[in-house]
Protein backbone atom coordinates (compact mmCIF):
# COMPACT_ATOMS: atom_id res chain seq x y z
CA MET A 1 -21.10 -36.15 -18.42
CA LEU A 2 -24.61 -34.48 -18.11
CA GLN A 3 -27.15 -35.69 -15.59
CA LYS A 4 -30.79 -35.45 -16.25
CA SER A 5 -33.07 -34.20 -13.54
CA SER A 6 -36.61 -35.55 -13.62
CA ARG A 7 -37.80 -32.98 -10.96
CA GLN A 8 -36.51 -29.69 -12.62
CA HIS A 9 -37.54 -28.40 -16.09
CA SER A 10 -36.67 -25.40 -18.07
CA GLY A 11 -39.47 -23.04 -19.18
CA SER A 12 -40.03 -25.09 -22.28
CA GLY A 13 -40.89 -28.09 -20.19
CA LEU A 14 -37.69 -29.94 -21.18
CA PRO A 15 -35.58 -31.59 -18.45
CA VAL A 16 -32.69 -29.41 -17.21
CA CYS A 17 -29.23 -31.12 -17.47
CA PHE A 18 -26.52 -30.57 -14.93
CA ALA A 19 -22.78 -31.09 -15.49
CA LYS A 20 -21.30 -33.16 -12.59
CA LYS A 21 -18.09 -31.29 -12.77
CA VAL A 22 -16.77 -28.45 -14.83
CA ALA A 23 -13.05 -27.66 -14.43
CA GLY A 24 -13.17 -24.30 -16.13
CA ILE A 25 -14.09 -22.53 -19.35
CA ALA A 26 -11.94 -19.95 -21.06
CA ILE A 27 -13.23 -17.70 -23.87
CA ALA A 28 -10.98 -15.63 -26.14
CA CYS A 29 -13.01 -12.78 -27.54
CA ASN A 30 -12.58 -9.79 -29.86
CA PRO A 31 -11.05 -6.99 -27.83
CA ALA A 32 -13.77 -4.66 -29.13
CA PHE A 33 -16.27 -6.57 -27.05
CA ILE A 34 -14.33 -7.08 -23.85
CA ALA A 35 -16.64 -5.02 -21.85
CA ASP A 36 -19.63 -7.15 -22.76
CA ALA A 37 -17.46 -10.28 -22.19
CA ARG A 38 -16.55 -9.10 -18.67
CA PHE A 39 -20.26 -8.51 -17.93
CA PHE A 40 -20.99 -12.08 -18.96
CA GLU A 41 -18.11 -13.39 -16.96
CA ASN A 42 -19.36 -11.59 -13.86
CA ILE A 43 -22.73 -13.11 -14.21
CA VAL A 44 -21.40 -16.66 -14.79
CA VAL A 45 -18.90 -16.52 -11.97
CA SER A 46 -21.37 -15.09 -9.58
CA ARG A 47 -23.50 -18.36 -10.31
CA GLY A 48 -20.60 -20.52 -9.27
CA LEU A 49 -18.98 -21.55 -12.56
CA ILE A 50 -15.33 -21.16 -13.40
CA LEU A 51 -14.97 -18.87 -16.33
CA GLY A 52 -12.30 -16.59 -17.68
CA MET A 53 -12.53 -14.04 -20.50
CA PHE A 54 -9.43 -13.21 -22.59
CA THR A 55 -8.48 -11.25 -25.69
CA ASP A 56 -6.02 -13.88 -26.89
CA THR A 57 -5.81 -17.63 -27.01
CA GLU A 58 -2.43 -17.91 -25.20
CA SER A 59 -3.74 -16.15 -22.07
CA ALA A 60 -6.83 -18.30 -22.12
CA ARG A 61 -4.77 -21.48 -22.45
CA SER A 62 -2.41 -20.42 -19.70
CA TRP A 63 -5.24 -19.71 -17.42
CA LEU A 64 -6.86 -23.08 -18.12
CA MET A 65 -3.61 -24.97 -17.42
CA GLY A 66 -3.44 -23.23 -14.02
CA ILE A 67 -6.90 -24.44 -12.85
CA LYS A 68 -6.72 -27.34 -10.49
């Protein structure tokens, strides 16, 4: 569930919404774009989210099942 904050706004002036808890996000991408995907993963993880980039759905699913 998302929680609205009345004190913080995006650049557009709209309220920013925060997820109370995110277990993890797995993305299966085209192998041709894995370098870009890894760059995105690095940025997202450095900001505290749990994200994994994979080139196949089975690896992504296995990774998600291992998150506690």
